[in-house]
Amino acid sequence: MKAPKQQLFNAKKQKLKRQKLRNNATPAEKRLWSYLRNSQLLGRKFRRQQGIGPYIVDFYCPKENLAVELDGDIHSTNEAREYDHERDKFIHDHGITTIRFRNKEVFNDVDSVLQTIAKYFRTSSAVS
């Protein structure tokens, strides 16, 4: 008998954690979300705190299979970099591209952040 297939997106056991992360977003996440919400970036819908397997990404665009991560200072430790690498590999192995930005980039040059995200879109059409 086959084992049940594990749900890839938004596993029920992560629901409370995802809600907590959304309700306690960092200032950088709040700022970027103000530009991504309501399909403002070339008509692409993004989700906040999307579960992908055992991981939760800051933002996810299902149409583009694109995860966007914002990294604060905690991500500069060797342990955090190793964890991020394992997570990015898992996500990549499921056909999803992950792009990362430092929190400062969101505050210092949000236009460049948005342009970089848009470069990962397969088409530039504004159709969702």
N, C-alpha and C. Protein backbone atom coordinates (compact mmCIF):
# COMPACT_ATOMS: atom_id res chain seq x y z
N MET A 1 0.83 -1.17 0.00
CA MET A 1 0.00 0.00 0.00
C MET A 1 0.88 1.25 0.00
N LYS A 2 0.52 2.22 -0.85
CA LYS A 2 1.30 3.45 -0.96
C LYS A 2 1.03 4.37 0.22
N ALA A 3 2.10 5.08 0.60
CA ALA A 3 1.94 6.09 1.64
C ALA A 3 1.16 7.26 1.05
N PRO A 4 0.36 7.96 1.87
CA PRO A 4 -0.39 9.10 1.34
C PRO A 4 0.55 10.18 0.85
N LYS A 5 0.15 10.84 -0.25
CA LYS A 5 0.96 11.90 -0.82
C LYS A 5 0.93 13.11 0.11
N GLN A 6 2.12 13.63 0.41
CA GLN A 6 2.22 14.80 1.28
C GLN A 6 1.80 16.04 0.50
N GLN A 7 1.00 16.88 1.14
CA GLN A 7 0.56 18.12 0.54
C GLN A 7 1.75 19.05 0.42
N LEU A 8 2.01 19.58 -0.79
CA LEU A 8 3.17 20.46 -0.99
C LEU A 8 2.90 21.88 -0.48
N PHE A 9 1.72 22.40 -0.74
CA PHE A 9 1.43 23.79 -0.38
C PHE A 9 0.52 23.89 0.83
N ASN A 10 0.89 24.77 1.75
CA ASN A 10 0.07 25.13 2.91
C ASN A 10 -0.48 23.94 3.69
N ALA A 11 0.43 23.11 4.17
CA ALA A 11 0.03 21.97 5.00
C ALA A 11 -0.76 22.48 6.21
N LYS A 12 -1.81 21.77 6.56
CA LYS A 12 -2.68 22.20 7.67
C LYS A 12 -1.91 22.37 8.97
N LYS A 13 -0.90 21.54 9.20
CA LYS A 13 -0.16 21.63 10.46
C LYS A 13 0.65 22.93 10.56
N GLN A 14 0.82 23.65 9.45
CA GLN A 14 1.56 24.93 9.46
C GLN A 14 0.64 26.14 9.56
N LYS A 15 -0.66 25.93 9.54
CA LYS A 15 -1.60 27.04 9.44
C LYS A 15 -1.38 28.11 10.52
N LEU A 16 -1.30 27.71 11.77
CA LEU A 16 -1.13 28.68 12.85
C LEU A 16 0.20 29.42 12.74
N LYS A 17 1.24 28.70 12.35
CA LYS A 17 2.56 29.34 12.20
C LYS A 17 2.52 30.37 11.07
N ARG A 18 1.88 30.02 9.94
CA ARG A 18 1.78 30.96 8.82
C ARG A 18 0.99 32.20 9.23
N GLN A 19 -0.11 31.99 9.97
CA GLN A 19 -0.91 33.13 10.43
C GLN A 19 -0.10 34.02 11.36
N LYS A 20 0.65 33.41 12.26
CA LYS A 20 1.49 34.18 13.19
C LYS A 20 2.52 35.00 12.43
N LEU A 21 3.15 34.39 11.43
CA LEU A 21 4.14 35.11 10.63
C LEU A 21 3.50 36.27 9.88
N ARG A 22 2.30 36.06 9.34
CA ARG A 22 1.61 37.15 8.64
C ARG A 22 1.25 38.29 9.60
N ASN A 23 0.80 37.91 10.78
CA ASN A 23 0.38 38.92 11.76
C ASN A 23 1.56 39.65 12.41
N ASN A 24 2.75 39.09 12.30
CA ASN A 24 3.95 39.68 12.89
C ASN A 24 5.02 39.93 11.83
N ALA A 25 4.60 40.42 10.69
CA ALA A 25 5.51 40.65 9.57
C ALA A 25 6.58 41.68 9.97
N THR A 26 7.76 41.50 9.42
CA THR A 26 8.83 42.46 9.65
C THR A 26 8.51 43.75 8.88
N PRO A 27 9.14 44.85 9.26
CA PRO A 27 8.91 46.09 8.50
C PRO A 27 9.24 45.94 7.00
N ALA A 28 10.29 45.19 6.69
CA ALA A 28 10.64 44.97 5.28
C ALA A 28 9.55 44.18 4.56
N GLU A 29 9.01 43.15 5.21
CA GLU A 29 7.94 42.36 4.61
C GLU A 29 6.70 43.23 4.38
N LYS A 30 6.37 44.06 5.35
CA LYS A 30 5.20 44.95 5.20
C LYS A 30 5.39 45.90 4.02
N ARG A 31 6.59 46.43 3.91
CA ARG A 31 6.86 47.38 2.81
C ARG A 31 6.75 46.69 1.46
N LEU A 32 7.41 45.54 1.30
CA LEU A 32 7.34 44.86 0.01
C LEU A 32 5.91 44.40 -0.29
N TRP A 33 5.20 43.92 0.73
CA TRP A 33 3.83 43.47 0.52
C TRP A 33 2.96 44.61 0.01
N SER A 34 3.23 45.83 0.44
CA SER A 34 2.42 46.96 -0.02
C SER A 34 2.55 47.17 -1.53
N TYR A 35 3.61 46.64 -2.14
CA TYR A 35 3.81 46.73 -3.58
C TYR A 35 3.36 45.47 -4.32
N LEU A 36 3.31 44.35 -3.63
CA LEU A 36 2.97 43.08 -4.28
C LEU A 36 1.48 42.73 -4.17
N ARG A 37 0.84 43.19 -3.10
CA ARG A 37 -0.55 42.80 -2.85
C ARG A 37 -1.48 43.29 -3.95
N ASN A 38 -2.61 42.63 -4.06
CA ASN A 38 -3.64 42.99 -5.05
C ASN A 38 -3.12 42.99 -6.49
N SER A 39 -2.19 42.09 -6.78
CA SER A 39 -1.68 41.91 -8.15
C SER A 39 -1.12 43.20 -8.76
N GLN A 40 -0.47 44.02 -7.95
CA GLN A 40 0.05 45.30 -8.43
C GLN A 40 1.26 45.18 -9.34
N LEU A 41 2.02 44.10 -9.21
CA LEU A 41 3.24 43.95 -10.01
C LEU A 41 2.92 43.16 -11.27
N LEU A 42 2.69 43.87 -12.35
CA LEU A 42 2.38 43.28 -13.66
C LEU A 42 1.25 42.25 -13.59
N GLY A 43 0.30 42.49 -12.72
CA GLY A 43 -0.88 41.63 -12.63
C GLY A 43 -0.64 40.28 -11.98
N ARG A 44 0.52 40.08 -11.37
CA ARG A 44 0.83 38.79 -10.74
C ARG A 44 0.32 38.75 -9.31
N LYS A 45 -0.36 37.68 -8.97
CA LYS A 45 -0.86 37.48 -7.61
C LYS A 45 0.24 36.86 -6.76
N PHE A 46 0.48 37.46 -5.62
CA PHE A 46 1.44 36.92 -4.65
C PHE A 46 0.69 36.54 -3.38
N ARG A 47 1.22 35.55 -2.71
CA ARG A 47 0.70 35.13 -1.40
C ARG A 47 1.79 35.37 -0.37
N ARG A 48 1.37 35.73 0.84
CA ARG A 48 2.32 35.94 1.94
C ARG A 48 2.42 34.67 2.76
N GLN A 49 3.61 34.40 3.26
CA GLN A 49 3.86 33.27 4.16
C GLN A 49 3.22 31.98 3.63
N GLN A 50 3.67 31.60 2.46
CA GLN A 50 3.18 30.41 1.76
C GLN A 50 3.97 29.19 2.21
N GLY A 51 3.26 28.16 2.62
CA GLY A 51 3.91 26.91 2.96
C GLY A 51 4.27 26.14 1.70
N ILE A 52 5.51 25.66 1.65
CA ILE A 52 5.98 24.80 0.55
C ILE A 52 6.69 23.64 1.22
N GLY A 53 6.03 22.48 1.24
CA GLY A 53 6.56 21.33 1.97
C GLY A 53 6.71 21.72 3.43
N PRO A 54 7.85 21.40 4.04
CA PRO A 54 8.03 21.72 5.46
C PRO A 54 8.47 23.17 5.71
N TYR A 55 8.56 23.97 4.66
CA TYR A 55 9.08 25.33 4.77
C TYR A 55 7.99 26.37 4.53
N ILE A 56 8.27 27.59 4.95
CA ILE A 56 7.37 28.72 4.71
C ILE A 56 8.19 29.83 4.08
N VAL A 57 7.75 30.31 2.92
CA VAL A 57 8.46 31.39 2.24
C VAL A 57 7.72 32.70 2.47
N ASP A 58 8.44 33.80 2.40
CA ASP A 58 7.85 35.12 2.66
C ASP A 58 6.75 35.45 1.65
N PHE A 59 7.06 35.28 0.36
CA PHE A 59 6.09 35.59 -0.70
C PHE A 59 6.19 34.52 -1.78
N TYR A 60 5.05 34.22 -2.40
CA TYR A 60 5.03 33.20 -3.45
C TYR A 60 4.07 33.63 -4.54
N CYS A 61 4.52 33.53 -5.78
CA CYS A 61 3.70 33.81 -6.96
C CYS A 61 3.43 32.48 -7.66
N PRO A 62 2.21 31.94 -7.52
CA PRO A 62 1.92 30.63 -8.11
C PRO A 62 2.03 30.60 -9.63
N LYS A 63 1.63 31.68 -10.30
CA LYS A 63 1.68 31.70 -11.78
C LYS A 63 3.11 31.54 -12.29
N GLU A 64 4.06 32.10 -11.57
CA GLU A 64 5.45 32.08 -11.99
C GLU A 64 6.29 31.05 -11.26
N ASN A 65 5.70 30.30 -10.32
CA ASN A 65 6.48 29.37 -9.49
C ASN A 65 7.70 30.08 -8.92
N LEU A 66 7.44 31.23 -8.29
CA LEU A 66 8.50 32.10 -7.81
C LEU A 66 8.32 32.40 -6.33
N ALA A 67 9.35 32.10 -5.54
CA ALA A 67 9.35 32.42 -4.12
C ALA A 67 10.29 33.61 -3.92
N VAL A 68 9.87 34.56 -3.09
CA VAL A 68 10.67 35.73 -2.77
C VAL A 68 10.93 35.72 -1.27
N GLU A 69 12.20 35.77 -0.91
CA GLU A 69 12.61 35.74 0.49
C GLU A 69 13.32 37.04 0.84
N LEU A 70 13.01 37.57 2.01
CA LEU A 70 13.70 38.74 2.54
C LEU A 70 14.57 38.29 3.69
N ASP A 71 15.83 38.66 3.63
CA ASP A 71 16.80 38.21 4.62
C ASP A 71 17.28 39.36 5.49
N GLY A 72 17.11 39.20 6.79
CA GLY A 72 17.67 40.14 7.76
C GLY A 72 19.04 39.67 8.18
N ASP A 73 19.57 40.31 9.21
CA ASP A 73 20.93 40.01 9.67
C ASP A 73 21.09 38.56 10.13
N ILE A 74 20.02 37.95 10.63
CA ILE A 74 20.11 36.58 11.13
C ILE A 74 20.55 35.60 10.03
N HIS A 75 20.29 35.95 8.79
CA HIS A 75 20.63 35.06 7.68
C HIS A 75 22.12 35.08 7.34
N SER A 76 22.89 35.88 8.04
CA SER A 76 24.33 35.95 7.73
C SER A 76 25.16 34.93 8.51
N THR A 77 24.55 34.19 9.43
CA THR A 77 25.30 33.17 10.17
C THR A 77 25.49 31.94 9.29
N ASN A 78 26.52 31.17 9.57
CA ASN A 78 26.77 29.95 8.81
C ASN A 78 25.60 28.98 8.93
N GLU A 79 25.05 28.85 10.13
CA GLU A 79 23.93 27.93 10.35
C GLU A 79 22.71 28.36 9.52
N ALA A 80 22.43 29.64 9.50
CA ALA A 80 21.28 30.14 8.74
C ALA A 80 21.50 29.96 7.24
N ARG A 81 22.73 30.22 6.79
CA ARG A 81 23.02 30.04 5.35
C ARG A 81 22.86 28.58 4.94
N GLU A 82 23.29 27.67 5.80
CA GLU A 82 23.14 26.24 5.50
C GLU A 82 21.66 25.86 5.44
N TYR A 83 20.88 26.34 6.40
CA TYR A 83 19.43 26.07 6.41
C TYR A 83 18.78 26.64 5.15
N ASP A 84 19.12 27.89 4.80
CA ASP A 84 18.55 28.51 3.60
C ASP A 84 18.92 27.72 2.35
N HIS A 85 20.15 27.22 2.30
CA HIS A 85 20.59 26.43 1.15
C HIS A 85 19.76 25.15 1.02
N GLU A 86 19.56 24.45 2.14
CA GLU A 86 18.75 23.21 2.12
C GLU A 86 17.32 23.52 1.71
N ARG A 87 16.77 24.59 2.25
CA ARG A 87 15.40 24.98 1.93
C ARG A 87 15.27 25.34 0.46
N ASP A 88 16.21 26.16 -0.04
CA ASP A 88 16.17 26.55 -1.44
C ASP A 88 16.29 25.34 -2.36
N LYS A 89 17.11 24.36 -1.98
CA LYS A 89 17.24 23.15 -2.79
C LYS A 89 15.93 22.37 -2.82
N PHE A 90 15.29 22.20 -1.68
CA PHE A 90 14.00 21.51 -1.63
C PHE A 90 12.99 22.22 -2.53
N ILE A 91 12.92 23.53 -2.40
CA ILE A 91 11.95 24.31 -3.19
C ILE A 91 12.28 24.21 -4.67
N HIS A 92 13.56 24.33 -5.02
CA HIS A 92 13.99 24.21 -6.41
C HIS A 92 13.65 22.84 -6.98
N ASP A 93 13.85 21.80 -6.19
CA ASP A 93 13.54 20.44 -6.64
C ASP A 93 12.06 20.25 -6.94
N HIS A 94 11.22 21.18 -6.49
CA HIS A 94 9.78 21.13 -6.79
C HIS A 94 9.41 22.16 -7.86
N GLY A 95 10.41 22.61 -8.61
CA GLY A 95 10.16 23.47 -9.77
C GLY A 95 9.91 24.93 -9.45
N ILE A 96 10.32 25.36 -8.27
CA ILE A 96 10.08 26.74 -7.84
C ILE A 96 11.42 27.46 -7.73
N THR A 97 11.48 28.66 -8.28
CA THR A 97 12.68 29.49 -8.19
C THR A 97 12.58 30.37 -6.95
N THR A 98 13.67 30.47 -6.21
CA THR A 98 13.72 31.35 -5.05
C THR A 98 14.69 32.50 -5.34
N ILE A 99 14.22 33.72 -5.08
CA ILE A 99 15.12 34.87 -5.15
C ILE A 99 15.14 35.53 -3.77
N ARG A 100 16.30 36.05 -3.42
CA ARG A 100 16.51 36.61 -2.08
C ARG A 100 16.96 38.06 -2.16
N PHE A 101 16.46 38.83 -1.21
CA PHE A 101 16.87 40.22 -1.07
C PHE A 101 17.19 40.48 0.39
N ARG A 102 18.12 41.36 0.63
CA ARG A 102 18.39 41.83 1.99
C ARG A 102 17.30 42.82 2.36
N ASN A 103 16.96 42.87 3.62
CA ASN A 103 15.94 43.82 4.08
C ASN A 103 16.29 45.24 3.66
N LYS A 104 17.60 45.60 3.76
CA LYS A 104 18.01 46.96 3.41
C LYS A 104 17.67 47.31 1.98
N GLU A 105 17.74 46.31 1.08
CA GLU A 105 17.42 46.58 -0.32
C GLU A 105 15.98 47.05 -0.47
N VAL A 106 15.09 46.46 0.30
CA VAL A 106 13.67 46.83 0.23
C VAL A 106 13.49 48.28 0.69
N PHE A 107 14.25 48.70 1.69
CA PHE A 107 14.12 50.06 2.19
C PHE A 107 14.89 51.07 1.35
N ASN A 108 16.05 50.68 0.84
CA ASN A 108 16.90 51.63 0.12
C ASN A 108 16.56 51.78 -1.35
N ASP A 109 16.02 50.70 -1.97
CA ASP A 109 15.78 50.75 -3.42
C ASP A 109 14.69 49.74 -3.81
N VAL A 110 13.48 49.98 -3.33
CA VAL A 110 12.39 49.04 -3.60
C VAL A 110 12.11 48.92 -5.10
N ASP A 111 12.33 49.98 -5.87
CA ASP A 111 12.09 49.90 -7.31
C ASP A 111 12.99 48.86 -7.96
N SER A 112 14.25 48.80 -7.57
CA SER A 112 15.16 47.78 -8.11
C SER A 112 14.73 46.38 -7.69
N VAL A 113 14.26 46.24 -6.46
CA VAL A 113 13.76 44.94 -5.99
C VAL A 113 12.59 44.50 -6.86
N LEU A 114 11.65 45.40 -7.10
CA LEU A 114 10.48 45.06 -7.92
C LEU A 114 10.88 44.74 -9.36
N GLN A 115 11.84 45.49 -9.91
CA GLN A 115 12.32 45.21 -11.27
C GLN A 115 12.97 43.85 -11.34
N THR A 116 13.74 43.50 -10.32
CA THR A 116 14.40 42.18 -10.31
C THR A 116 13.35 41.08 -10.23
N ILE A 117 12.37 41.23 -9.38
CA ILE A 117 11.30 40.22 -9.29
C ILE A 117 10.63 40.06 -10.65
N ALA A 118 10.30 41.17 -11.30
CA ALA A 118 9.62 41.13 -12.59
C ALA A 118 10.46 40.45 -13.67
N LYS A 119 11.79 40.52 -13.56
CA LYS A 119 12.66 39.86 -14.55
C LYS A 119 12.50 38.34 -14.52
N TYR A 120 12.00 37.81 -13.41
CA TYR A 120 11.79 36.37 -13.30
C TYR A 120 10.45 35.92 -13.87
N PHE A 121 9.61 36.86 -14.29
CA PHE A 121 8.34 36.49 -14.89
C PHE A 121 8.59 35.96 -16.29
N ARG A 122 7.91 34.89 -16.63
CA ARG A 122 8.12 34.26 -17.94
C ARG A 122 7.62 35.12 -19.09
N THR A 123 6.56 35.89 -18.83
CA THR A 123 6.06 36.83 -19.84
C THR A 123 5.82 38.14 -19.14
N SER A 124 5.80 39.22 -19.87
CA SER A 124 5.57 40.52 -19.25
C SER A 124 4.11 40.92 -19.29
N SER A 125 3.25 40.04 -19.78
CA SER A 125 1.84 40.37 -19.87
C SER A 125 1.23 40.61 -18.50
N ALA A 126 0.29 41.51 -18.42
CA ALA A 126 -0.36 41.84 -17.15
C ALA A 126 -1.53 40.93 -16.87
N VAL A 127 -1.72 39.90 -17.64
CA VAL A 127 -2.85 38.98 -17.43
C VAL A 127 -2.50 38.00 -16.33
N SER A 128 -3.40 37.82 -15.37
CA SER A 128 -3.13 36.88 -14.27
C SER A 128 -3.53 35.49 -14.65
